[in-house]
mmCIF file of all heavy atoms, coordinates in Angstrom:
data_MODEL
# 
_entry.id   MODEL 
# 
loop_
_atom_site.group_PDB 
_atom_site.id 
_atom_site.type_symbol 
_atom_site.label_atom_id 
_atom_site.label_alt_id 
_atom_site.label_comp_id 
_atom_site.label_asym_id 
_atom_site.label_entity_id 
_atom_site.label_seq_id 
_atom_site.pdbx_PDB_ins_code 
_atom_site.Cartn_x 
_atom_site.Cartn_y 
_atom_site.Cartn_z 
_atom_site.occupancy 
_atom_site.B_iso_or_equiv 
_atom_site.pdbx_formal_charge 
_atom_site.auth_seq_id 
_atom_site.auth_comp_id 
_atom_site.auth_asym_id 
_atom_site.auth_atom_id 
_atom_site.pdbx_PDB_model_num 
ATOM 1   N N   . THR A 1 1  ? 154.254 315.587 18.944 1.00 0.00 ? 1  THR A N   1 
ATOM 2   C CA  . THR A 1 1  ? 152.810 315.500 18.697 1.00 0.00 ? 1  THR A CA  1 
ATOM 3   C C   . THR A 1 1  ? 152.050 315.394 20.011 1.00 0.00 ? 1  THR A C   1 
ATOM 4   O O   . THR A 1 1  ? 150.893 314.959 20.030 1.00 0.00 ? 1  THR A O   1 
ATOM 5   C CB  . THR A 1 1  ? 152.484 314.270 17.826 1.00 0.00 ? 1  THR A CB  1 
ATOM 6   O OG1 . THR A 1 1  ? 152.974 313.079 18.471 1.00 0.00 ? 1  THR A OG1 1 
ATOM 7   C CG2 . THR A 1 1  ? 153.121 314.393 16.456 1.00 0.00 ? 1  THR A CG2 1 
ATOM 8   N N   . ASP A 1 2  ? 152.704 315.782 21.127 1.00 0.00 ? 2  ASP A N   1 
ATOM 9   C CA  . ASP A 1 2  ? 152.038 315.645 22.422 1.00 0.00 ? 2  ASP A CA  1 
ATOM 10  C C   . ASP A 1 2  ? 151.101 316.812 22.726 1.00 0.00 ? 2  ASP A C   1 
ATOM 11  O O   . ASP A 1 2  ? 150.443 316.835 23.771 1.00 0.00 ? 2  ASP A O   1 
ATOM 12  C CB  . ASP A 1 2  ? 153.052 315.488 23.551 1.00 0.00 ? 2  ASP A CB  1 
ATOM 13  C CG  . ASP A 1 2  ? 154.061 316.632 23.620 1.00 0.00 ? 2  ASP A CG  1 
ATOM 14  O OD1 . ASP A 1 2  ? 153.794 317.682 23.001 1.00 0.00 ? 2  ASP A OD1 1 
ATOM 15  O OD2 . ASP A 1 2  ? 155.097 316.473 24.280 1.00 0.00 ? 2  ASP A OD2 1 
ATOM 16  N N   . GLY A 1 3  ? 151.052 317.799 21.836 1.00 0.00 ? 3  GLY A N   1 
ATOM 17  C CA  . GLY A 1 3  ? 150.124 318.913 22.015 1.00 0.00 ? 3  GLY A CA  1 
ATOM 18  C C   . GLY A 1 3  ? 150.636 320.049 22.871 1.00 0.00 ? 3  GLY A C   1 
ATOM 19  O O   . GLY A 1 3  ? 149.987 321.091 22.967 1.00 0.00 ? 3  GLY A O   1 
ATOM 20  N N   . LEU A 1 4  ? 151.781 319.884 23.503 1.00 0.00 ? 4  LEU A N   1 
ATOM 21  C CA  . LEU A 1 4  ? 152.321 320.934 24.359 1.00 0.00 ? 4  LEU A CA  1 
ATOM 22  C C   . LEU A 1 4  ? 152.907 322.046 23.497 1.00 0.00 ? 4  LEU A C   1 
ATOM 23  O O   . LEU A 1 4  ? 153.721 321.801 22.613 1.00 0.00 ? 4  LEU A O   1 
ATOM 24  C CB  . LEU A 1 4  ? 153.393 320.362 25.285 1.00 0.00 ? 4  LEU A CB  1 
ATOM 25  C CG  . LEU A 1 4  ? 154.025 321.337 26.273 1.00 0.00 ? 4  LEU A CG  1 
ATOM 26  C CD1 . LEU A 1 4  ? 152.976 321.860 27.247 1.00 0.00 ? 4  LEU A CD1 1 
ATOM 27  C CD2 . LEU A 1 4  ? 155.167 320.666 27.045 1.00 0.00 ? 4  LEU A CD2 1 
ATOM 28  N N   . ARG A 1 5  ? 152.477 323.281 23.766 1.00 0.00 ? 5  ARG A N   1 
ATOM 29  C CA  . ARG A 1 5  ? 152.995 324.446 23.049 1.00 0.00 ? 5  ARG A CA  1 
ATOM 30  C C   . ARG A 1 5  ? 153.537 325.429 24.086 1.00 0.00 ? 5  ARG A C   1 
ATOM 31  O O   . ARG A 1 5  ? 152.829 326.334 24.534 1.00 0.00 ? 5  ARG A O   1 
ATOM 32  C CB  . ARG A 1 5  ? 151.899 325.098 22.192 1.00 0.00 ? 5  ARG A CB  1 
ATOM 33  C CG  . ARG A 1 5  ? 152.384 326.263 21.335 1.00 0.00 ? 5  ARG A CG  1 
ATOM 34  C CD  . ARG A 1 5  ? 151.228 326.830 20.513 1.00 0.00 ? 5  ARG A CD  1 
ATOM 35  N NE  . ARG A 1 5  ? 150.763 325.874 19.530 1.00 0.00 ? 5  ARG A NE  1 
ATOM 36  C CZ  . ARG A 1 5  ? 151.331 325.719 18.328 1.00 0.00 ? 5  ARG A CZ  1 
ATOM 37  N NH1 . ARG A 1 5  ? 152.377 326.458 17.990 1.00 0.00 ? 5  ARG A NH1 1 
ATOM 38  N NH2 . ARG A 1 5  ? 150.863 324.840 17.485 1.00 0.00 ? 5  ARG A NH2 1 
ATOM 39  N N   . PRO A 1 6  ? 154.800 325.287 24.493 1.00 0.00 ? 6  PRO A N   1 
ATOM 40  C CA  . PRO A 1 6  ? 155.362 326.143 25.545 1.00 0.00 ? 6  PRO A CA  1 
ATOM 41  C C   . PRO A 1 6  ? 155.614 327.556 25.042 1.00 0.00 ? 6  PRO A C   1 
ATOM 42  O O   . PRO A 1 6  ? 155.747 327.785 23.834 1.00 0.00 ? 6  PRO A O   1 
ATOM 43  C CB  . PRO A 1 6  ? 156.670 325.444 25.903 1.00 0.00 ? 6  PRO A CB  1 
ATOM 44  C CG  . PRO A 1 6  ? 157.067 324.756 24.634 1.00 0.00 ? 6  PRO A CG  1 
ATOM 45  C CD  . PRO A 1 6  ? 155.789 324.319 23.988 1.00 0.00 ? 6  PRO A CD  1 
ATOM 46  N N   . ASP A 1 7  ? 155.677 328.501 25.944 1.00 0.00 ? 7  ASP A N   1 
ATOM 47  C CA  . ASP A 1 7  ? 156.001 329.872 25.596 1.00 0.00 ? 7  ASP A CA  1 
ATOM 48  C C   . ASP A 1 7  ? 157.515 330.048 25.481 1.00 0.00 ? 7  ASP A C   1 
ATOM 49  O O   . ASP A 1 7  ? 158.275 329.377 26.195 1.00 0.00 ? 7  ASP A O   1 
ATOM 50  C CB  . ASP A 1 7  ? 155.480 330.835 26.658 1.00 0.00 ? 7  ASP A CB  1 
ATOM 51  C CG  . ASP A 1 7  ? 153.966 330.866 26.723 1.00 0.00 ? 7  ASP A CG  1 
ATOM 52  O OD1 . ASP A 1 7  ? 153.340 330.741 25.651 1.00 0.00 ? 7  ASP A OD1 1 
ATOM 53  O OD2 . ASP A 1 7  ? 153.420 330.999 27.835 1.00 0.00 ? 7  ASP A OD2 1 
ATOM 54  N N   . PRO A 1 8  ? 157.987 330.934 24.597 1.00 0.00 ? 8  PRO A N   1 
ATOM 55  C CA  . PRO A 1 8  ? 159.423 331.238 24.578 1.00 0.00 ? 8  PRO A CA  1 
ATOM 56  C C   . PRO A 1 8  ? 159.879 331.696 25.957 1.00 0.00 ? 8  PRO A C   1 
ATOM 57  O O   . PRO A 1 8  ? 159.192 332.442 26.647 1.00 0.00 ? 8  PRO A O   1 
ATOM 58  C CB  . PRO A 1 8  ? 159.520 332.370 23.547 1.00 0.00 ? 8  PRO A CB  1 
ATOM 59  C CG  . PRO A 1 8  ? 158.342 332.154 22.648 1.00 0.00 ? 8  PRO A CG  1 
ATOM 60  C CD  . PRO A 1 8  ? 157.240 331.659 23.550 1.00 0.00 ? 8  PRO A CD  1 
ATOM 61  N N   . GLY A 1 9  ? 161.035 331.192 26.381 1.00 0.00 ? 9  GLY A N   1 
ATOM 62  C CA  . GLY A 1 9  ? 161.536 331.494 27.708 1.00 0.00 ? 9  GLY A CA  1 
ATOM 63  C C   . GLY A 1 9  ? 161.257 330.397 28.709 1.00 0.00 ? 9  GLY A C   1 
ATOM 64  O O   . GLY A 1 9  ? 161.843 330.378 29.793 1.00 0.00 ? 9  GLY A O   1 
ATOM 65  N N   . SER A 1 10 ? 160.344 329.483 28.370 1.00 0.00 ? 10 SER A N   1 
ATOM 66  C CA  . SER A 1 10 ? 160.047 328.365 29.265 1.00 0.00 ? 10 SER A CA  1 
ATOM 67  C C   . SER A 1 10 ? 161.251 327.432 29.357 1.00 0.00 ? 10 SER A C   1 
ATOM 68  O O   . SER A 1 10 ? 162.136 327.434 28.504 1.00 0.00 ? 10 SER A O   1 
ATOM 69  C CB  . SER A 1 10 ? 158.829 327.582 28.764 1.00 0.00 ? 10 SER A CB  1 
ATOM 70  O OG  . SER A 1 10 ? 157.692 328.400 28.659 1.00 0.00 ? 10 SER A OG  1 
ATOM 71  N N   . VAL A 1 11 ? 161.245 326.631 30.410 1.00 0.00 ? 11 VAL A N   1 
ATOM 72  C CA  . VAL A 1 11 ? 162.291 325.627 30.607 1.00 0.00 ? 11 VAL A CA  1 
ATOM 73  C C   . VAL A 1 11 ? 161.622 324.263 30.627 1.00 0.00 ? 11 VAL A C   1 
ATOM 74  O O   . VAL A 1 11 ? 160.600 324.070 31.291 1.00 0.00 ? 11 VAL A O   1 
ATOM 75  C CB  . VAL A 1 11 ? 163.055 325.871 31.919 1.00 0.00 ? 11 VAL A CB  1 
ATOM 76  C CG1 . VAL A 1 11 ? 164.098 324.788 32.144 1.00 0.00 ? 11 VAL A CG1 1 
ATOM 77  C CG2 . VAL A 1 11 ? 163.728 327.238 31.893 1.00 0.00 ? 11 VAL A CG2 1 
ATOM 78  N N   . LEU A 1 12 ? 162.205 323.315 29.895 1.00 0.00 ? 12 LEU A N   1 
ATOM 79  C CA  . LEU A 1 12 ? 161.581 321.996 29.806 1.00 0.00 ? 12 LEU A CA  1 
ATOM 80  C C   . LEU A 1 12 ? 162.611 320.891 29.657 1.00 0.00 ? 12 LEU A C   1 
ATOM 81  O O   . LEU A 1 12 ? 163.775 321.140 29.331 1.00 0.00 ? 12 LEU A O   1 
ATOM 82  C CB  . LEU A 1 12 ? 160.580 321.956 28.647 1.00 0.00 ? 12 LEU A CB  1 
ATOM 83  C CG  . LEU A 1 12 ? 161.038 322.442 27.260 1.00 0.00 ? 12 LEU A CG  1 
ATOM 84  C CD1 . LEU A 1 12 ? 161.915 321.423 26.551 1.00 0.00 ? 12 LEU A CD1 1 
ATOM 85  C CD2 . LEU A 1 12 ? 159.823 322.783 26.398 1.00 0.00 ? 12 LEU A CD2 1 
ATOM 86  N N   . ASP A 1 13 ? 162.159 319.669 29.928 1.00 0.00 ? 13 ASP A N   1 
ATOM 87  C CA  . ASP A 1 13 ? 162.948 318.471 29.649 1.00 0.00 ? 13 ASP A CA  1 
ATOM 88  C C   . ASP A 1 13 ? 162.448 317.876 28.345 1.00 0.00 ? 13 ASP A C   1 
ATOM 89  O O   . ASP A 1 13 ? 161.260 317.986 28.009 1.00 0.00 ? 13 ASP A O   1 
ATOM 90  C CB  . ASP A 1 13 ? 162.794 317.436 30.760 1.00 0.00 ? 13 ASP A CB  1 
ATOM 91  C CG  . ASP A 1 13 ? 163.384 317.898 32.079 1.00 0.00 ? 13 ASP A CG  1 
ATOM 92  O OD1 . ASP A 1 13 ? 164.167 318.870 32.065 1.00 0.00 ? 13 ASP A OD1 1 
ATOM 93  O OD2 . ASP A 1 13 ? 163.062 317.287 33.115 1.00 0.00 ? 13 ASP A OD2 1 
ATOM 94  N N   . ILE A 1 14 ? 163.356 317.241 27.621 1.00 0.00 ? 14 ILE A N   1 
ATOM 95  C CA  . ILE A 1 14 ? 162.987 316.523 26.407 1.00 0.00 ? 14 ILE A CA  1 
ATOM 96  C C   . ILE A 1 14 ? 163.174 315.036 26.672 1.00 0.00 ? 14 ILE A C   1 
ATOM 97  O O   . ILE A 1 14 ? 164.277 314.586 27.004 1.00 0.00 ? 14 ILE A O   1 
ATOM 98  C CB  . ILE A 1 14 ? 163.838 316.964 25.209 1.00 0.00 ? 14 ILE A CB  1 
ATOM 99  C CG1 . ILE A 1 14 ? 163.686 318.473 24.980 1.00 0.00 ? 14 ILE A CG1 1 
ATOM 100 C CG2 . ILE A 1 14 ? 163.436 316.199 23.950 1.00 0.00 ? 14 ILE A CG2 1 
ATOM 101 C CD1 . ILE A 1 14 ? 164.564 319.010 23.867 1.00 0.00 ? 14 ILE A CD1 1 
ATOM 102 N N   . LEU A 1 15 ? 162.085 314.292 26.561 1.00 0.00 ? 15 LEU A N   1 
ATOM 103 C CA  . LEU A 1 15 ? 162.107 312.863 26.802 1.00 0.00 ? 15 LEU A CA  1 
ATOM 104 C C   . LEU A 1 15 ? 161.983 312.112 25.488 1.00 0.00 ? 15 LEU A C   1 
ATOM 105 O O   . LEU A 1 15 ? 161.273 312.551 24.576 1.00 0.00 ? 15 LEU A O   1 
ATOM 106 C CB  . LEU A 1 15 ? 160.966 312.435 27.738 1.00 0.00 ? 15 LEU A CB  1 
ATOM 107 C CG  . LEU A 1 15 ? 161.057 312.823 29.210 1.00 0.00 ? 15 LEU A CG  1 
ATOM 108 C CD1 . LEU A 1 15 ? 160.807 314.320 29.409 1.00 0.00 ? 15 LEU A CD1 1 
ATOM 109 C CD2 . LEU A 1 15 ? 160.064 312.026 30.035 1.00 0.00 ? 15 LEU A CD2 1 
ATOM 110 N N   . ALA A 1 16 ? 162.665 310.994 25.403 1.00 0.00 ? 16 ALA A N   1 
ATOM 111 C CA  . ALA A 1 16 ? 162.607 310.155 24.211 1.00 0.00 ? 16 ALA A CA  1 
ATOM 112 C C   . ALA A 1 16 ? 162.142 308.767 24.615 1.00 0.00 ? 16 ALA A C   1 
ATOM 113 O O   . ALA A 1 16 ? 162.645 308.188 25.584 1.00 0.00 ? 16 ALA A O   1 
ATOM 114 C CB  . ALA A 1 16 ? 163.968 310.076 23.536 1.00 0.00 ? 16 ALA A CB  1 
ATOM 115 N N   . THR A 1 17 ? 161.173 308.249 23.886 1.00 0.00 ? 17 THR A N   1 
ATOM 116 C CA  . THR A 1 17 ? 160.708 306.873 24.085 1.00 0.00 ? 17 THR A CA  1 
ATOM 117 C C   . THR A 1 17 ? 161.146 306.054 22.879 1.00 0.00 ? 17 THR A C   1 
ATOM 118 O O   . THR A 1 17 ? 160.719 306.311 21.745 1.00 0.00 ? 17 THR A O   1 
ATOM 119 C CB  . THR A 1 17 ? 159.182 306.818 24.231 1.00 0.00 ? 17 THR A CB  1 
ATOM 120 O OG1 . THR A 1 17 ? 158.796 307.593 25.373 1.00 0.00 ? 17 THR A OG1 1 
ATOM 121 C CG2 . THR A 1 17 ? 158.712 305.387 24.423 1.00 0.00 ? 17 THR A CG2 1 
ATOM 122 N N   . LEU A 1 18 ? 162.026 305.081 23.137 1.00 0.00 ? 18 LEU A N   1 
ATOM 123 C CA  . LEU A 1 18 ? 162.582 304.268 22.077 1.00 0.00 ? 18 LEU A CA  1 
ATOM 124 C C   . LEU A 1 18 ? 161.841 302.939 21.975 1.00 0.00 ? 18 LEU A C   1 
ATOM 125 O O   . LEU A 1 18 ? 161.157 302.514 22.913 1.00 0.00 ? 18 LEU A O   1 
ATOM 126 C CB  . LEU A 1 18 ? 164.070 304.018 22.335 1.00 0.00 ? 18 LEU A CB  1 
ATOM 127 C CG  . LEU A 1 18 ? 164.915 305.279 22.608 1.00 0.00 ? 18 LEU A CG  1 
ATOM 128 C CD1 . LEU A 1 18 ? 166.361 304.890 22.903 1.00 0.00 ? 18 LEU A CD1 1 
ATOM 129 C CD2 . LEU A 1 18 ? 164.842 306.235 21.439 1.00 0.00 ? 18 LEU A CD2 1 
ATOM 130 N N   . ASP A 1 19 ? 161.989 302.314 20.843 1.00 0.00 ? 19 ASP A N   1 
ATOM 131 C CA  . ASP A 1 19 ? 161.384 300.998 20.648 1.00 0.00 ? 19 ASP A CA  1 
ATOM 132 C C   . ASP A 1 19 ? 162.005 300.017 21.628 1.00 0.00 ? 19 ASP A C   1 
ATOM 133 O O   . ASP A 1 19 ? 163.226 299.907 21.725 1.00 0.00 ? 19 ASP A O   1 
ATOM 134 C CB  . ASP A 1 19 ? 161.627 300.537 19.206 1.00 0.00 ? 19 ASP A CB  1 
ATOM 135 C CG  . ASP A 1 19 ? 160.796 299.322 18.838 1.00 0.00 ? 19 ASP A CG  1 
ATOM 136 O OD1 . ASP A 1 19 ? 160.688 298.404 19.685 1.00 0.00 ? 19 ASP A OD1 1 
ATOM 137 O OD2 . ASP A 1 19 ? 160.259 299.281 17.721 1.00 0.00 ? 19 ASP A OD2 1 
ATOM 138 N N   . ALA A 1 20 ? 161.164 299.316 22.369 1.00 0.00 ? 20 ALA A N   1 
ATOM 139 C CA  . ALA A 1 20 ? 161.655 298.373 23.377 1.00 0.00 ? 20 ALA A CA  1 
ATOM 140 C C   . ALA A 1 20 ? 162.556 297.306 22.762 1.00 0.00 ? 20 ALA A C   1 
ATOM 141 O O   . ALA A 1 20 ? 163.461 296.787 23.426 1.00 0.00 ? 20 ALA A O   1 
ATOM 142 C CB  . ALA A 1 20 ? 160.470 297.721 24.097 1.00 0.00 ? 20 ALA A CB  1 
ATOM 143 N N   . ARG A 1 21 ? 162.347 297.019 21.495 1.00 0.00 ? 21 ARG A N   1 
ATOM 144 C CA  . ARG A 1 21 ? 163.194 296.004 20.843 1.00 0.00 ? 21 ARG A CA  1 
ATOM 145 C C   . ARG A 1 21 ? 164.606 296.515 20.619 1.00 0.00 ? 21 ARG A C   1 
ATOM 146 O O   . ARG A 1 21 ? 165.554 295.734 20.543 1.00 0.00 ? 21 ARG A O   1 
ATOM 147 C CB  . ARG A 1 21 ? 162.574 295.591 19.507 1.00 0.00 ? 21 ARG A CB  1 
ATOM 148 C CG  . ARG A 1 21 ? 161.245 294.841 19.647 1.00 0.00 ? 21 ARG A CG  1 
ATOM 149 C CD  . ARG A 1 21 ? 160.565 294.667 18.311 1.00 0.00 ? 21 ARG A CD  1 
ATOM 150 N NE  . ARG A 1 21 ? 160.226 295.967 17.725 1.00 0.00 ? 21 ARG A NE  1 
ATOM 151 C CZ  . ARG A 1 21 ? 159.580 296.113 16.567 1.00 0.00 ? 21 ARG A CZ  1 
ATOM 152 N NH1 . ARG A 1 21 ? 159.214 295.036 15.872 1.00 0.00 ? 21 ARG A NH1 1 
ATOM 153 N NH2 . ARG A 1 21 ? 159.296 297.296 16.098 1.00 0.00 ? 21 ARG A NH2 1 
ATOM 154 N N   . ASP A 1 22 ? 164.757 297.843 20.539 1.00 0.00 ? 22 ASP A N   1 
ATOM 155 C CA  . ASP A 1 22 ? 166.078 298.415 20.335 1.00 0.00 ? 22 ASP A CA  1 
ATOM 156 C C   . ASP A 1 22 ? 166.882 298.493 21.625 1.00 0.00 ? 22 ASP A C   1 
ATOM 157 O O   . ASP A 1 22 ? 168.104 298.338 21.619 1.00 0.00 ? 22 ASP A O   1 
ATOM 158 C CB  . ASP A 1 22 ? 165.966 299.824 19.732 1.00 0.00 ? 22 ASP A CB  1 
ATOM 159 C CG  . ASP A 1 22 ? 165.419 299.788 18.311 1.00 0.00 ? 22 ASP A CG  1 
ATOM 160 O OD1 . ASP A 1 22 ? 165.518 298.722 17.677 1.00 0.00 ? 22 ASP A OD1 1 
ATOM 161 O OD2 . ASP A 1 22 ? 164.896 300.824 17.862 1.00 0.00 ? 22 ASP A OD2 1 
ATOM 162 N N   . VAL A 1 23 ? 166.213 298.755 22.743 1.00 0.00 ? 23 VAL A N   1 
ATOM 163 C CA  . VAL A 1 23 ? 166.938 298.976 23.993 1.00 0.00 ? 23 VAL A CA  1 
ATOM 164 C C   . VAL A 1 23 ? 167.069 297.719 24.831 1.00 0.00 ? 23 VAL A C   1 
ATOM 165 O O   . VAL A 1 23 ? 167.886 297.652 25.749 1.00 0.00 ? 23 VAL A O   1 
ATOM 166 C CB  . VAL A 1 23 ? 166.244 300.071 24.825 1.00 0.00 ? 23 VAL A CB  1 
ATOM 167 C CG1 . VAL A 1 23 ? 166.220 301.368 24.065 1.00 0.00 ? 23 VAL A CG1 1 
ATOM 168 C CG2 . VAL A 1 23 ? 164.817 299.667 25.202 1.00 0.00 ? 23 VAL A CG2 1 
ATOM 169 N N   . GLY A 1 24 ? 166.256 296.708 24.551 1.00 0.00 ? 24 GLY A N   1 
ATOM 170 C CA  . GLY A 1 24 ? 166.333 295.479 25.333 1.00 0.00 ? 24 GLY A CA  1 
ATOM 171 C C   . GLY A 1 24 ? 165.438 295.534 26.555 1.00 0.00 ? 24 GLY A C   1 
ATOM 172 O O   . GLY A 1 24 ? 165.037 296.603 27.011 1.00 0.00 ? 24 GLY A O   1 
ATOM 173 N N   . GLY A 1 25 ? 165.161 294.387 27.122 1.00 0.00 ? 25 GLY A N   1 
ATOM 174 C CA  . GLY A 1 25 ? 164.225 294.301 28.229 1.00 0.00 ? 25 GLY A CA  1 
ATOM 175 C C   . GLY A 1 25 ? 164.731 294.863 29.532 1.00 0.00 ? 25 GLY A C   1 
ATOM 176 O O   . GLY A 1 25 ? 163.941 295.139 30.434 1.00 0.00 ? 25 GLY A O   1 
# 
């Protein structure tokens, strides 16, 4: 839902933001 609409052929990283309670401080 970040609004980015890349073109086919583009190269990108996929980042994940997890709940801080799940990963610990």
